[in-house]
Each structure stands twice: as structure tokens, then as C-alpha cells.
Amino acid sequence: MSLADITARVDAAISAAGRSPDSVSLIAVSKMQPNARVEAVLREGHRSFGENRVQEAGGKWPEFREAFDNIDLHLIGPLQSNKVRQAFDLFQTIHSVDRPKLANAIARIADELGHCPDLFLQVNTGEEDQKAGVMPADADAFIAQCRDLNLPVKGLMCIPPVDEEPSLHFALLAKIAARNDLAGLSMGMSGDFESAIAQGATHIRVGSAIFGDRD
């Protein structure tokens, strides 16, 4: 696969779903990828990237930002409360707001700095013990809490269980978002992004299908 291949598949999925051509943002997940591969994708003109860890992103992206304009960086992995300030410096969007303690930490730093990245709230649609995110039954209350904190909540994010039909989880996330008047849906990865687009995804997170297997 390549960026061109994935872009063509994304465009085809958008068309099949009858959606606007610009309704889906492709986030190239560059976590643990060699800098040479990331630079190659940058040179192809892509600018939206996703990282899992604040520390890894901090060692990679400041240098790339000196060489390339308009980089749009997304944190798609877990965020520790003590890394919030650093995340503000690196990321335009955080997709993994998954608990009240983190929301409060983000609100505190946002008030101090006067700005905040766009936020997606992570929902544990599969109710898996080992996975982050609020339970579906608690999602409405968490959304309300984040809005009470004046946080810029743009949408919801999920990672379906590996052994279940992902479209069921995408549909559940879309239902929760719709009843809370949230437009953003961060869902779909290399193996299921076409299904996510059919269910209304606005942001898809694709890594290995663009960059190849991680070293």
C-alpha cells in the first residue's frame, strides 16, 4: 500500500456513502515509524499525522515543523495528566480524552494558557476492561461535564474490539454523538476505515497501510 492507494480507497468509500469529498480527514499514524518514512509522506504533500505518545512526538515533530509548513498533529494515544502542558505545545487535536481527571487537567491548563487543542472524547464502546474510554452509559454525562468546563469538544473517538464487527461500534459512537450534537467521529483504522466512513467517520487513523509495518 501507499498514501496514493489509501487516498484512492478513501475517496471511493466517501463516494459510495454519498458524502461530500472533503468530509473525511485522513490521519497518517506515524507512531514508531522511521523518520525517513514520515518525511517521504510529508514530501508527497500530506500534512495530517497521528502520534500515540507525547514524548515520541516531542522528539520528532519540532524538526519536521521547521522543514514543512502547515503540519496538523493529532494525539491518538493515551494522555497522562502530567503531560497535558507538553501536549498543548505539540498537538492541534487530542483524540483520547477519556476520564474526568484528564478533562479537569486540560481545562486548568487551557485557562492558564488561553487556548486549547480541539478535543475528542474516547468512548469504550466494547466495554473492555483493558481499554481506556468512558463507558457508553456514561458518555452523555462526560460530554456535559466537559462542556461545563468550556472545553472545545469536537466529537467522539472509539477503538472497537479486535474480535467484533467494527461497524456495530461505529454505529453506536455515531448514535451517541448525534444525540449530543457532536459532528466529529474519530473512528476507523487500516483494516476497517471504509466501514467507518460508511457510518459517518470524519477522521480516520491509518498507519501501516500507508507506511508499511513498523520496525
Protein backbone atom coordinates (compact mmCIF):
# COMPACT_ATOMS: atom_id res chain seq x y z
CA MET A 1 0.00 0.00 0.00
CA SER A 2 0.92 3.65 -0.24
CA LEU A 3 -0.54 7.05 0.53
CA ALA A 4 -1.93 7.22 -3.01
CA ASP A 5 -3.58 3.81 -2.67
CA ILE A 6 -5.20 4.70 0.65
CA THR A 7 -6.33 8.10 -0.63
CA ALA A 8 -7.99 6.41 -3.60
CA ARG A 9 -9.78 3.95 -1.31
CA VAL A 10 -10.90 6.76 0.98
CA ASP A 11 -12.28 8.71 -1.96
CA ALA A 12 -14.13 5.62 -3.22
CA ALA A 13 -15.63 4.96 0.22
CA ILE A 14 -16.76 8.58 0.53
CA SER A 15 -18.39 8.41 -2.89
CA ALA A 16 -20.10 5.10 -2.09
CA ALA A 17 -21.52 6.61 1.09
CA GLY A 18 -22.84 9.61 -0.84
CA ARG A 19 -20.83 12.02 1.25
CA SER A 20 -19.00 15.25 0.44
CA PRO A 21 -15.44 14.72 -0.91
CA ASP A 22 -13.95 16.82 1.89
CA SER A 23 -15.94 15.27 4.74
CA VAL A 24 -13.22 12.87 5.95
CA SER A 25 -9.76 13.73 7.27
CA LEU A 26 -7.08 11.08 6.77
CA ILE A 27 -4.70 10.98 9.73
CA ALA A 28 -1.47 9.19 8.82
CA VAL A 29 -0.46 7.39 12.01
CA SER A 30 3.29 7.84 12.22
CA LYS A 31 3.92 6.36 15.67
CA MET A 32 7.10 4.26 15.84
CA GLN A 33 7.81 4.87 12.16
CA PRO A 34 11.32 5.81 10.99
CA ASN A 35 11.72 9.49 10.24
CA ALA A 36 12.64 8.70 6.63
CA ARG A 37 9.20 7.15 6.01
CA VAL A 38 7.44 10.07 7.66
CA GLU A 39 9.44 12.55 5.61
CA ALA A 40 8.54 10.68 2.41
CA VAL A 41 4.83 11.07 3.17
CA LEU A 42 5.35 14.73 4.01
CA ARG A 43 7.07 15.23 0.66
CA GLU A 44 4.01 13.72 -1.04
CA GLY A 45 2.07 16.65 0.38
CA HIS A 46 0.25 15.02 3.28
CA ARG A 47 0.09 17.15 6.43
CA SER A 48 -2.20 15.40 8.95
CA PHE A 49 -0.40 12.93 11.23
CA GLY A 50 -1.16 10.99 14.39
CA GLU A 51 1.11 10.04 17.27
CA ASN A 52 0.47 7.80 20.28
CA ARG A 53 2.93 9.25 22.77
CA VAL A 54 3.73 12.80 23.75
CA GLN A 55 7.40 12.03 24.33
CA GLU A 56 7.89 10.41 20.92
CA ALA A 57 6.13 13.27 19.18
CA GLY A 58 8.27 15.78 21.04
CA GLY A 59 11.41 14.17 19.70
CA LYS A 60 10.18 14.03 16.11
CA TRP A 61 7.89 16.85 15.09
CA PRO A 62 9.60 20.13 16.06
CA GLU A 63 12.30 19.38 13.49
CA PHE A 64 9.77 18.43 10.83
CA ARG A 65 7.86 21.66 11.51
CA GLU A 66 10.99 23.64 10.71
CA ALA A 67 11.15 21.97 7.30
CA PHE A 68 7.46 21.68 6.36
CA ASP A 69 4.56 24.12 6.71
CA ASN A 70 1.02 23.51 7.95
CA ILE A 71 1.58 20.24 9.80
CA ASP A 72 -1.59 19.18 11.64
CA LEU A 73 -0.67 16.85 14.51
CA HIS A 74 -3.14 14.63 16.39
CA LEU A 75 -2.59 12.79 19.67
CA ILE A 76 -4.43 9.49 19.29
CA GLY A 77 -2.90 7.59 22.21
CA PRO A 78 -3.33 7.92 25.98
CA LEU A 79 -2.52 11.19 27.67
CA GLN A 80 -1.25 11.39 31.23
CA SER A 81 -2.43 14.37 33.23
CA ASN A 82 1.17 15.47 33.87
CA LYS A 83 1.85 15.61 30.11
CA VAL A 84 -1.02 17.96 29.26
CA ARG A 85 1.09 21.12 29.04
CA GLN A 86 3.56 19.45 26.68
CA ALA A 87 0.68 18.11 24.59
CA PHE A 88 -0.67 21.65 24.19
CA ASP A 89 2.67 22.67 22.65
CA LEU A 90 2.70 19.80 20.15
CA PHE A 91 -0.81 18.86 19.07
CA GLN A 92 -3.66 20.64 17.33
CA THR A 93 -6.12 17.89 18.30
CA ILE A 94 -6.30 15.38 21.16
CA HIS A 95 -8.46 12.32 20.44
CA SER A 96 -8.08 10.48 23.75
CA VAL A 97 -9.81 12.49 26.48
CA ASP A 98 -11.05 9.51 28.46
CA ARG A 99 -11.68 10.47 32.10
CA PRO A 100 -12.80 13.39 34.29
CA LYS A 101 -9.36 13.84 35.91
CA LEU A 102 -7.80 14.44 32.49
CA ALA A 103 -10.60 16.78 31.43
CA ASN A 104 -10.04 18.85 34.56
CA ALA A 105 -6.29 19.00 33.92
CA ILE A 106 -6.87 20.12 30.34
CA ALA A 107 -9.32 22.80 31.48
CA ARG A 108 -6.83 24.10 34.05
CA ILE A 109 -4.01 24.41 31.51
CA ALA A 110 -6.37 25.89 28.90
CA ASP A 111 -7.45 28.59 31.35
CA GLU A 112 -3.82 29.33 32.16
CA LEU A 113 -2.61 29.49 28.55
CA GLY A 114 -5.72 30.95 26.94
CA HIS A 115 -6.01 28.29 24.27
CA CYS A 116 -6.76 24.59 23.89
CA PRO A 117 -6.40 21.94 21.19
CA ASP A 118 -9.57 20.55 19.68
CA LEU A 119 -10.77 17.58 21.72
CA PHE A 120 -12.39 14.22 21.04
CA LEU A 121 -13.74 12.18 23.95
CA GLN A 122 -12.88 8.49 23.91
CA VAL A 123 -15.76 6.05 24.39
CA ASN A 124 -15.06 2.43 25.28
CA THR A 125 -17.79 1.07 23.02
CA GLY A 126 -16.78 -2.54 23.68
CA GLU A 127 -16.75 -2.01 27.47
CA GLU A 128 -13.35 -3.70 27.61
CA ASP A 129 -11.58 -3.71 30.98
CA GLN A 130 -8.15 -3.18 29.45
CA LYS A 131 -9.15 -0.29 27.20
CA ALA A 132 -9.40 3.41 28.00
CA GLY A 133 -12.51 5.48 27.50
CA VAL A 134 -15.78 6.19 29.26
CA MET A 135 -18.47 3.54 29.11
CA PRO A 136 -21.30 4.23 26.66
CA ALA A 137 -23.77 4.63 29.51
CA ASP A 138 -21.57 7.37 31.00
CA ALA A 139 -20.80 9.19 27.75
CA ASP A 140 -23.63 11.76 27.89
CA ALA A 141 -22.65 12.84 31.40
CA PHE A 142 -18.96 13.08 30.48
CA ILE A 143 -19.76 15.19 27.42
CA ALA A 144 -21.84 17.51 29.60
CA GLN A 145 -19.06 17.74 32.17
CA CYS A 146 -16.50 18.70 29.51
CA ARG A 147 -18.85 21.32 28.10
CA ASP A 148 -19.36 22.75 31.60
CA LEU A 149 -15.57 23.15 31.71
CA ASN A 150 -15.79 25.15 28.44
CA LEU A 151 -13.61 22.61 26.64
CA PRO A 152 -13.67 22.60 22.80
CA VAL A 153 -15.24 19.16 22.38
CA LYS A 154 -15.46 18.46 18.64
CA GLY A 155 -16.53 14.83 18.69
CA LEU A 156 -16.03 11.28 19.92
CA MET A 157 -13.43 8.58 19.34
CA CYS A 158 -13.51 4.80 19.66
CA ILE A 159 -11.36 1.74 19.02
CA PRO A 160 -13.59 -1.33 18.51
CA PRO A 161 -12.67 -4.72 19.99
CA VAL A 162 -10.49 -6.72 17.62
CA ASP A 163 -12.81 -9.72 17.63
CA GLU A 164 -16.12 -7.96 16.99
CA GLU A 165 -17.79 -6.43 13.95
CA PRO A 166 -16.47 -2.84 13.93
CA SER A 167 -19.49 -1.35 12.17
CA LEU A 168 -21.64 -2.05 15.25
CA HIS A 169 -19.28 0.04 17.37
CA PHE A 170 -19.08 2.78 14.75
CA ALA A 171 -22.87 2.95 14.68
CA LEU A 172 -23.03 3.17 18.48
CA LEU A 173 -20.48 6.00 18.55
CA ALA A 174 -22.41 7.86 15.84
CA LYS A 175 -25.63 7.49 17.83
CA ILE A 176 -24.06 8.93 20.98
CA ALA A 177 -22.55 11.81 19.02
CA ALA A 178 -25.82 12.62 17.26
CA ARG A 179 -27.87 12.87 20.43
CA ASN A 180 -25.25 15.21 21.88
CA ASP A 181 -25.00 17.40 18.77
CA LEU A 182 -21.37 16.46 18.10
CA ALA A 183 -20.25 16.41 14.47
CA GLY A 184 -16.85 14.75 14.83
CA LEU A 185 -16.35 10.98 14.71
CA SER A 186 -12.77 9.72 15.02
CA MET A 187 -13.07 6.05 14.10
CA GLY A 188 -11.66 3.58 11.61
CA MET A 189 -8.13 2.30 11.12
CA SER A 190 -6.19 0.44 8.42
CA GLY A 191 -8.42 -2.63 8.45
CA ASP A 192 -11.86 -1.04 8.77
CA PHE A 193 -11.78 2.61 7.68
CA GLU A 194 -14.17 2.03 4.76
CA SER A 195 -16.79 0.72 7.16
CA ALA A 196 -16.17 3.72 9.42
CA ILE A 197 -16.68 6.12 6.53
CA ALA A 198 -19.98 4.42 5.71
CA GLN A 199 -21.04 5.04 9.31
CA GLY A 200 -20.10 8.73 9.24
CA ALA A 201 -16.45 8.94 10.31
CA THR A 202 -14.96 12.41 9.97
CA HIS A 203 -11.42 11.36 10.98
CA ILE A 204 -9.82 8.02 10.15
CA ARG A 205 -6.49 6.86 11.56
CA VAL A 206 -4.39 4.83 9.13
CA GLY A 207 -0.81 3.79 9.82
CA SER A 208 0.66 0.56 8.50
CA ALA A 209 -1.35 0.68 5.27
CA ILE A 210 0.44 3.95 4.45
CA PHE A 211 3.89 3.50 5.96
CA GLY A 212 4.30 -0.27 5.98
CA ASP A 213 4.85 -2.44 9.05
CA ARG A 214 6.64 -0.80 11.94
CA ASP A 215 10.23 -1.78 12.59
